[in-house]
Amino acid sequence: MKRTILILAFMGLIVTSGLSQIRTPVKWSVASKKLNAQEAVVFVKATIQDGWHIYGLNVPTGGPESTKFTFAKSKDFSLDGKIKEPVAKSKYEDAFKVNVPFHNGEIVFQQKVKLNSSKPSTVSGSVLFSTCNKQECLPEDEYNFSVVIK
């Protein structure tokens, strides 16, 4: 009897762990390109699975949370302007009563930086984003990145 209960509990654990797989429909990567001795560009790329999307950087008031980039402060560089995003698609969302900008597929965000040193500089930061499809939205997630500019 104990053996049967133990086997059933073990099988239940296997089924439960299979159902609770963490879904990650967005894969991120980071790269950089030095333009000259004083300037570089940091590229943060999102590759989004078919059927899923992330929100744009400038969602109107009343809409869902925008995708947000944060860069760590450093004496080696300073941000040159705001982060650039590709042109977002837009769709009216009944739930929010606003047009909501979003991205799907593969997109690359760009941040220009001014270099304050001739030594290699590390640019690090994070992206806070929400991922949704037609049926659901996953909990907000964060991607931490770091890239060395040589």
N, C-alpha and C. Protein backbone atom coordinates (compact mmCIF):
# COMPACT_ATOMS: atom_id res chain seq x y z
N MET A 1 0.82 -1.19 0.00
CA MET A 1 0.00 0.00 0.00
C MET A 1 0.87 1.26 0.00
N LYS A 2 1.89 1.30 0.86
CA LYS A 2 2.79 2.44 0.90
C LYS A 2 3.51 2.61 -0.44
N ARG A 3 3.85 1.49 -1.03
CA ARG A 3 4.55 1.52 -2.31
C ARG A 3 3.65 2.13 -3.39
N THR A 4 2.39 1.79 -3.41
CA THR A 4 1.44 2.31 -4.38
C THR A 4 1.28 3.82 -4.21
N ILE A 5 1.15 4.27 -2.97
CA ILE A 5 1.01 5.70 -2.70
C ILE A 5 2.26 6.44 -3.13
N LEU A 6 3.42 5.87 -2.85
CA LEU A 6 4.68 6.49 -3.24
C LEU A 6 4.79 6.59 -4.76
N ILE A 7 4.40 5.56 -5.48
CA ILE A 7 4.45 5.57 -6.94
C ILE A 7 3.49 6.61 -7.50
N LEU A 8 2.27 6.68 -6.95
CA LEU A 8 1.30 7.68 -7.41
C LEU A 8 1.78 9.10 -7.13
N ALA A 9 2.38 9.32 -5.97
CA ALA A 9 2.90 10.65 -5.64
C ALA A 9 4.02 11.03 -6.59
N PHE A 10 4.90 10.08 -6.90
CA PHE A 10 6.00 10.33 -7.82
C PHE A 10 5.47 10.66 -9.22
N MET A 11 4.47 9.91 -9.69
CA MET A 11 3.88 10.17 -11.00
C MET A 11 3.21 11.54 -11.03
N GLY A 12 2.55 11.91 -9.94
CA GLY A 12 1.92 13.23 -9.86
C GLY A 12 2.95 14.34 -9.94
N LEU A 13 4.08 14.12 -9.31
CA LEU A 13 5.16 15.11 -9.34
C LEU A 13 5.70 15.28 -10.75
N ILE A 14 5.86 14.20 -11.47
CA ILE A 14 6.35 14.25 -12.84
C ILE A 14 5.37 15.01 -13.74
N VAL A 15 4.08 14.71 -13.62
CA VAL A 15 3.07 15.39 -14.42
C VAL A 15 3.03 16.88 -14.09
N THR A 16 3.06 17.21 -12.81
CA THR A 16 3.02 18.61 -12.38
C THR A 16 4.23 19.37 -12.87
N SER A 17 5.41 18.80 -12.79
CA SER A 17 6.61 19.51 -13.25
C SER A 17 6.58 19.68 -14.76
N GLY A 18 6.00 18.76 -15.48
CA GLY A 18 5.88 18.89 -16.93
C GLY A 18 4.94 20.00 -17.32
N LEU A 19 3.90 20.21 -16.55
CA LEU A 19 2.92 21.26 -16.84
C LEU A 19 3.42 22.64 -16.44
N SER A 20 4.35 22.70 -15.52
CA SER A 20 4.79 24.00 -15.02
C SER A 20 6.12 24.44 -15.66
N GLN A 21 6.31 24.10 -16.92
CA GLN A 21 7.50 24.54 -17.63
C GLN A 21 7.50 26.06 -17.75
N ILE A 22 8.63 26.67 -17.56
CA ILE A 22 8.74 28.11 -17.72
C ILE A 22 8.81 28.41 -19.22
N ARG A 23 7.92 29.27 -19.66
CA ARG A 23 7.90 29.64 -21.08
C ARG A 23 8.69 30.92 -21.26
N THR A 24 9.53 30.91 -22.27
CA THR A 24 10.34 32.09 -22.60
C THR A 24 10.23 32.34 -24.10
N PRO A 25 9.13 32.99 -24.52
CA PRO A 25 8.95 33.23 -25.95
C PRO A 25 9.83 34.35 -26.50
N VAL A 26 10.58 35.03 -25.65
CA VAL A 26 11.48 36.09 -26.11
C VAL A 26 12.91 35.73 -25.72
N LYS A 27 13.79 35.71 -26.70
CA LYS A 27 15.22 35.49 -26.47
C LYS A 27 15.93 36.80 -26.77
N TRP A 28 16.84 37.18 -25.88
CA TRP A 28 17.56 38.45 -26.00
C TRP A 28 19.04 38.21 -26.27
N SER A 29 19.66 39.16 -26.94
CA SER A 29 21.12 39.15 -27.12
C SER A 29 21.59 40.61 -27.20
N VAL A 30 22.87 40.81 -26.98
CA VAL A 30 23.43 42.16 -26.98
C VAL A 30 24.75 42.17 -27.73
N ALA A 31 25.02 43.28 -28.41
CA ALA A 31 26.27 43.46 -29.14
C ALA A 31 26.59 44.95 -29.16
N SER A 32 27.79 45.28 -29.62
CA SER A 32 28.16 46.70 -29.72
C SER A 32 29.02 46.92 -30.95
N LYS A 33 29.07 48.18 -31.35
CA LYS A 33 29.93 48.56 -32.48
C LYS A 33 30.54 49.92 -32.15
N LYS A 34 31.85 49.98 -32.19
CA LYS A 34 32.56 51.24 -31.94
C LYS A 34 32.54 52.04 -33.25
N LEU A 35 32.01 53.25 -33.18
CA LEU A 35 31.93 54.09 -34.37
C LEU A 35 33.22 54.86 -34.60
N ASN A 36 33.81 55.34 -33.51
CA ASN A 36 35.10 56.04 -33.55
C ASN A 36 35.64 56.03 -32.12
N ALA A 37 36.70 56.78 -31.86
CA ALA A 37 37.33 56.75 -30.52
C ALA A 37 36.41 57.27 -29.41
N GLN A 38 35.41 58.07 -29.76
CA GLN A 38 34.54 58.67 -28.74
C GLN A 38 33.11 58.16 -28.75
N GLU A 39 32.71 57.35 -29.72
CA GLU A 39 31.31 56.93 -29.83
C GLU A 39 31.17 55.44 -30.15
N ALA A 40 30.09 54.88 -29.64
CA ALA A 40 29.75 53.49 -29.94
C ALA A 40 28.24 53.33 -29.89
N VAL A 41 27.76 52.22 -30.41
CA VAL A 41 26.34 51.90 -30.35
C VAL A 41 26.19 50.53 -29.70
N VAL A 42 25.24 50.44 -28.77
CA VAL A 42 24.89 49.17 -28.14
C VAL A 42 23.61 48.68 -28.80
N PHE A 43 23.61 47.43 -29.26
CA PHE A 43 22.45 46.82 -29.91
C PHE A 43 21.87 45.76 -28.97
N VAL A 44 20.60 45.87 -28.67
CA VAL A 44 19.91 44.88 -27.84
C VAL A 44 18.81 44.28 -28.70
N LYS A 45 18.97 42.99 -29.02
CA LYS A 45 18.07 42.33 -29.96
C LYS A 45 17.10 41.39 -29.24
N ALA A 46 15.83 41.49 -29.62
CA ALA A 46 14.80 40.57 -29.12
C ALA A 46 14.34 39.70 -30.28
N THR A 47 14.35 38.40 -30.06
CA THR A 47 13.82 37.45 -31.04
C THR A 47 12.59 36.83 -30.39
N ILE A 48 11.42 37.13 -30.97
CA ILE A 48 10.14 36.79 -30.36
C ILE A 48 9.48 35.65 -31.15
N GLN A 49 9.06 34.61 -30.44
CA GLN A 49 8.42 33.46 -31.08
C GLN A 49 7.15 33.89 -31.80
N ASP A 50 6.82 33.19 -32.87
CA ASP A 50 5.58 33.45 -33.61
C ASP A 50 4.38 33.42 -32.68
N GLY A 51 3.48 34.37 -32.87
CA GLY A 51 2.26 34.44 -32.08
C GLY A 51 2.39 35.27 -30.81
N TRP A 52 3.59 35.67 -30.46
CA TRP A 52 3.84 36.46 -29.25
C TRP A 52 4.29 37.86 -29.63
N HIS A 53 4.20 38.81 -28.70
CA HIS A 53 4.70 40.16 -28.91
C HIS A 53 5.12 40.78 -27.59
N ILE A 54 5.92 41.85 -27.69
CA ILE A 54 6.25 42.69 -26.53
C ILE A 54 5.74 44.08 -26.86
N TYR A 55 5.52 44.89 -25.83
CA TYR A 55 5.01 46.24 -26.03
C TYR A 55 6.14 47.20 -26.38
N GLY A 56 5.79 48.29 -27.03
CA GLY A 56 6.75 49.31 -27.43
C GLY A 56 7.24 50.12 -26.24
N LEU A 57 8.13 51.06 -26.51
CA LEU A 57 8.70 51.90 -25.47
C LEU A 57 7.78 53.03 -25.03
N ASN A 58 6.80 53.37 -25.85
CA ASN A 58 5.96 54.53 -25.57
C ASN A 58 4.47 54.18 -25.62
N VAL A 59 4.03 53.36 -24.69
CA VAL A 59 2.62 52.99 -24.62
C VAL A 59 1.86 54.17 -24.00
N PRO A 60 0.71 54.56 -24.59
CA PRO A 60 -0.05 55.69 -24.04
C PRO A 60 -0.58 55.41 -22.64
N THR A 61 -0.86 56.49 -21.91
CA THR A 61 -1.45 56.40 -20.58
C THR A 61 -2.73 55.57 -20.65
N GLY A 62 -2.88 54.68 -19.70
CA GLY A 62 -4.06 53.82 -19.67
C GLY A 62 -3.80 52.45 -20.29
N GLY A 63 -2.70 52.33 -21.02
CA GLY A 63 -2.36 51.06 -21.66
C GLY A 63 -1.53 50.19 -20.74
N PRO A 64 -1.03 49.07 -21.26
CA PRO A 64 -0.16 48.19 -20.46
C PRO A 64 1.19 48.86 -20.21
N GLU A 65 2.02 48.22 -19.41
CA GLU A 65 3.36 48.74 -19.12
C GLU A 65 4.23 48.71 -20.38
N SER A 66 4.90 49.82 -20.63
CA SER A 66 5.84 49.91 -21.75
C SER A 66 7.07 49.04 -21.47
N THR A 67 7.76 48.66 -22.53
CA THR A 67 9.08 48.05 -22.37
C THR A 67 10.01 49.16 -21.89
N LYS A 68 10.85 48.85 -20.89
CA LYS A 68 11.71 49.88 -20.30
C LYS A 68 13.16 49.41 -20.27
N PHE A 69 14.05 50.28 -20.72
CA PHE A 69 15.49 50.02 -20.65
C PHE A 69 16.09 50.86 -19.54
N THR A 70 17.00 50.26 -18.80
CA THR A 70 17.75 50.96 -17.77
C THR A 70 19.23 50.64 -18.01
N PHE A 71 20.06 51.69 -17.99
CA PHE A 71 21.50 51.50 -18.16
C PHE A 71 22.21 51.88 -16.88
N ALA A 72 23.18 51.07 -16.47
CA ALA A 72 23.97 51.36 -15.27
C ALA A 72 24.85 52.58 -15.54
N LYS A 73 24.98 53.42 -14.55
CA LYS A 73 25.83 54.60 -14.67
C LYS A 73 27.30 54.18 -14.60
N SER A 74 28.13 54.90 -15.33
CA SER A 74 29.57 54.58 -15.36
C SER A 74 30.35 55.85 -15.68
N LYS A 75 31.55 55.94 -15.16
CA LYS A 75 32.42 57.07 -15.49
C LYS A 75 33.07 56.88 -16.86
N ASP A 76 32.98 55.64 -17.41
CA ASP A 76 33.62 55.33 -18.68
C ASP A 76 32.80 55.75 -19.91
N PHE A 77 31.50 55.99 -19.73
CA PHE A 77 30.66 56.36 -20.87
C PHE A 77 29.45 57.15 -20.37
N SER A 78 28.78 57.79 -21.32
CA SER A 78 27.49 58.44 -21.03
C SER A 78 26.55 58.14 -22.20
N LEU A 79 25.27 58.11 -21.90
CA LEU A 79 24.28 57.85 -22.95
C LEU A 79 24.19 59.08 -23.85
N ASP A 80 24.09 58.84 -25.13
CA ASP A 80 23.98 59.91 -26.12
C ASP A 80 22.57 59.84 -26.72
N GLY A 81 21.63 60.57 -26.12
CA GLY A 81 20.25 60.53 -26.58
C GLY A 81 19.49 59.37 -25.96
N LYS A 82 18.29 59.16 -26.48
CA LYS A 82 17.43 58.10 -25.97
C LYS A 82 17.61 56.84 -26.80
N ILE A 83 17.18 55.73 -26.23
CA ILE A 83 17.25 54.46 -26.96
C ILE A 83 16.31 54.53 -28.16
N LYS A 84 16.76 53.99 -29.28
CA LYS A 84 15.95 53.99 -30.50
C LYS A 84 15.33 52.61 -30.67
N GLU A 85 14.06 52.63 -31.06
CA GLU A 85 13.37 51.38 -31.34
C GLU A 85 12.89 51.40 -32.77
N PRO A 86 12.78 50.24 -33.40
CA PRO A 86 12.19 50.20 -34.74
C PRO A 86 10.74 50.69 -34.66
N VAL A 87 10.18 51.06 -35.80
CA VAL A 87 8.79 51.50 -35.83
C VAL A 87 7.91 50.36 -35.32
N ALA A 88 7.11 50.67 -34.30
CA ALA A 88 6.25 49.65 -33.70
C ALA A 88 4.95 49.53 -34.49
N LYS A 89 4.40 48.34 -34.50
CA LYS A 89 3.05 48.15 -35.01
C LYS A 89 2.11 48.67 -33.92
N SER A 90 0.85 48.87 -34.26
CA SER A 90 -0.10 49.38 -33.27
C SER A 90 -1.45 48.72 -33.47
N LYS A 91 -2.12 48.45 -32.36
CA LYS A 91 -3.43 47.81 -32.44
C LYS A 91 -4.30 48.37 -31.31
N TYR A 92 -5.56 48.65 -31.64
CA TYR A 92 -6.50 49.11 -30.61
C TYR A 92 -6.84 47.93 -29.71
N GLU A 93 -6.69 48.13 -28.42
CA GLU A 93 -6.98 47.09 -27.44
C GLU A 93 -8.21 47.50 -26.62
N ASP A 94 -9.29 46.72 -26.74
CA ASP A 94 -10.52 47.00 -25.99
C ASP A 94 -10.27 47.04 -24.49
N ALA A 95 -9.39 46.16 -24.01
CA ALA A 95 -9.14 46.08 -22.57
C ALA A 95 -8.59 47.39 -22.01
N PHE A 96 -7.84 48.13 -22.84
CA PHE A 96 -7.21 49.37 -22.38
C PHE A 96 -7.86 50.62 -22.97
N LYS A 97 -8.63 50.45 -24.02
CA LYS A 97 -9.29 51.56 -24.72
C LYS A 97 -8.29 52.54 -25.34
N VAL A 98 -7.14 52.03 -25.78
CA VAL A 98 -6.13 52.84 -26.46
C VAL A 98 -5.45 52.00 -27.55
N ASN A 99 -4.80 52.69 -28.49
CA ASN A 99 -3.95 52.00 -29.46
C ASN A 99 -2.65 51.65 -28.76
N VAL A 100 -2.27 50.39 -28.82
CA VAL A 100 -1.09 49.91 -28.10
C VAL A 100 0.01 49.54 -29.10
N PRO A 101 1.20 50.18 -28.99
CA PRO A 101 2.32 49.82 -29.86
C PRO A 101 2.97 48.51 -29.39
N PHE A 102 3.34 47.67 -30.36
CA PHE A 102 3.95 46.39 -30.01
C PHE A 102 4.94 45.96 -31.08
N HIS A 103 5.77 44.98 -30.72
CA HIS A 103 6.75 44.40 -31.65
C HIS A 103 6.60 42.89 -31.64
N ASN A 104 6.80 42.29 -32.80
CA ASN A 104 6.89 40.83 -32.88
C ASN A 104 8.01 40.48 -33.85
N GLY A 105 8.33 39.20 -33.92
CA GLY A 105 9.43 38.78 -34.81
C GLY A 105 10.77 39.10 -34.20
N GLU A 106 11.63 39.73 -34.99
CA GLU A 106 12.98 40.08 -34.54
C GLU A 106 13.14 41.59 -34.59
N ILE A 107 13.54 42.20 -33.49
CA ILE A 107 13.72 43.64 -33.44
C ILE A 107 15.04 43.97 -32.75
N VAL A 108 15.61 45.11 -33.12
CA VAL A 108 16.87 45.55 -32.53
C VAL A 108 16.70 46.97 -32.00
N PHE A 109 16.92 47.14 -30.72
CA PHE A 109 16.94 48.46 -30.08
C PHE A 109 18.39 48.95 -30.11
N GLN A 110 18.58 50.28 -30.24
CA GLN A 110 19.93 50.83 -30.32
C GLN A 110 20.10 51.98 -29.33
N GLN A 111 21.23 51.98 -28.63
CA GLN A 111 21.57 53.08 -27.73
C GLN A 111 22.96 53.57 -28.07
N LYS A 112 23.07 54.82 -28.46
CA LYS A 112 24.36 55.43 -28.75
C LYS A 112 24.99 55.87 -27.43
N VAL A 113 26.30 55.68 -27.29
CA VAL A 113 27.02 56.08 -26.08
C VAL A 113 28.26 56.90 -26.46
N LYS A 114 28.60 57.84 -25.58
CA LYS A 114 29.84 58.61 -25.72
C LYS A 114 30.86 57.99 -24.78
N LEU A 115 32.01 57.66 -25.32
CA LEU A 115 33.06 57.02 -24.52
C LEU A 115 33.94 58.09 -23.89
N ASN A 116 34.19 57.91 -22.60
CA ASN A 116 35.01 58.87 -21.85
C ASN A 116 36.43 58.35 -21.61
N SER A 117 36.74 57.20 -22.15
CA SER A 117 38.03 56.58 -21.91
C SER A 117 38.46 55.82 -23.15
N SER A 118 39.77 55.71 -23.33
CA SER A 118 40.28 54.92 -24.46
C SER A 118 40.38 53.44 -24.08
N LYS A 119 40.19 53.15 -22.80
CA LYS A 119 40.20 51.75 -22.33
C LYS A 119 38.88 51.08 -22.68
N PRO A 120 38.85 49.74 -22.70
CA PRO A 120 37.58 49.05 -22.93
C PRO A 120 36.55 49.47 -21.86
N SER A 121 35.33 49.69 -22.29
CA SER A 121 34.25 50.11 -21.40
C SER A 121 33.15 49.05 -21.40
N THR A 122 32.63 48.76 -20.22
CA THR A 122 31.52 47.82 -20.11
C THR A 122 30.22 48.58 -19.94
N VAL A 123 29.29 48.32 -20.85
CA VAL A 123 27.95 48.91 -20.76
C VAL A 123 27.02 47.81 -20.31
N SER A 124 26.34 48.06 -19.21
CA SER A 124 25.39 47.06 -18.70
C SER A 124 24.07 47.72 -18.38
N GLY A 125 23.05 46.91 -18.32
CA GLY A 125 21.72 47.42 -18.03
C GLY A 125 20.71 46.29 -18.02
N SER A 126 19.45 46.68 -18.15
CA SER A 126 18.39 45.69 -18.15
C SER A 126 17.21 46.17 -18.99
N VAL A 127 16.41 45.21 -19.42
CA VAL A 127 15.17 45.48 -20.15
C VAL A 127 14.05 44.84 -19.34
N LEU A 128 13.03 45.62 -19.01
CA LEU A 128 11.84 45.13 -18.32
C LEU A 128 10.74 45.09 -19.37
N PHE A 129 10.10 43.93 -19.55
CA PHE A 129 9.15 43.78 -20.65
C PHE A 129 8.03 42.80 -20.30
N SER A 130 6.94 42.94 -21.02
CA SER A 130 5.82 42.00 -20.92
C SER A 130 5.66 41.29 -22.26
N THR A 131 5.34 40.01 -22.21
CA THR A 131 5.16 39.20 -23.39
C THR A 131 3.72 38.69 -23.43
N CYS A 132 3.06 38.88 -24.56
CA CYS A 132 1.66 38.45 -24.67
C CYS A 132 1.42 37.74 -26.00
N ASN A 133 0.36 36.93 -26.02
CA ASN A 133 -0.17 36.40 -27.26
C ASN A 133 -1.67 36.68 -27.27
N LYS A 134 -2.43 36.06 -28.14
CA LYS A 134 -3.87 36.36 -28.23
C LYS A 134 -4.65 35.86 -27.02
N GLN A 135 -4.12 34.87 -26.29
CA GLN A 135 -4.84 34.30 -25.17
C GLN A 135 -4.39 34.81 -23.80
N GLU A 136 -3.11 35.17 -23.68
CA GLU A 136 -2.59 35.47 -22.35
C GLU A 136 -1.37 36.37 -22.39
N CYS A 137 -1.08 36.94 -21.23
CA CYS A 137 0.17 37.67 -21.02
C CYS A 137 0.93 36.97 -19.90
N LEU A 138 2.21 36.82 -20.10
CA LEU A 138 3.07 36.23 -19.07
C LEU A 138 3.45 37.30 -18.06
N PRO A 139 3.85 36.92 -16.86
CA PRO A 139 4.29 37.93 -15.89
C PRO A 139 5.47 38.74 -16.46
N GLU A 140 5.55 39.99 -16.04
CA GLU A 140 6.63 40.86 -16.50
C GLU A 140 7.97 40.17 -16.24
N ASP A 141 8.91 40.33 -17.17
CA ASP A 141 10.20 39.67 -17.08
C ASP A 141 11.30 40.69 -17.28
N GLU A 142 12.53 40.31 -16.94
CA GLU A 142 13.67 41.20 -17.05
C GLU A 142 14.84 40.47 -17.70
N TYR A 143 15.51 41.17 -18.60
CA TYR A 143 16.74 40.66 -19.21
C TYR A 143 17.87 41.59 -18.81
N ASN A 144 18.87 41.05 -18.15
CA ASN A 144 20.05 41.82 -17.77
C ASN A 144 21.15 41.59 -18.80
N PHE A 145 21.79 42.66 -19.23
CA PHE A 145 22.81 42.53 -20.28
C PHE A 145 24.07 43.28 -19.90
N SER A 146 25.15 42.89 -20.56
CA SER A 146 26.44 43.55 -20.37
C SER A 146 27.26 43.30 -21.64
N VAL A 147 27.90 44.36 -22.13
CA VAL A 147 28.72 44.22 -23.33
C VAL A 147 29.96 45.10 -23.16
N VAL A 148 31.09 44.60 -23.62
CA VAL A 148 32.35 45.34 -23.54
C VAL A 148 32.59 46.02 -24.88
N ILE A 149 32.88 47.31 -24.81
CA ILE A 149 33.22 48.07 -26.01
C ILE A 149 34.73 48.28 -25.98
N LYS A 150 35.40 47.74 -27.00
CA LYS A 150 36.87 47.79 -27.06
C LYS A 150 37.34 48.83 -28.06
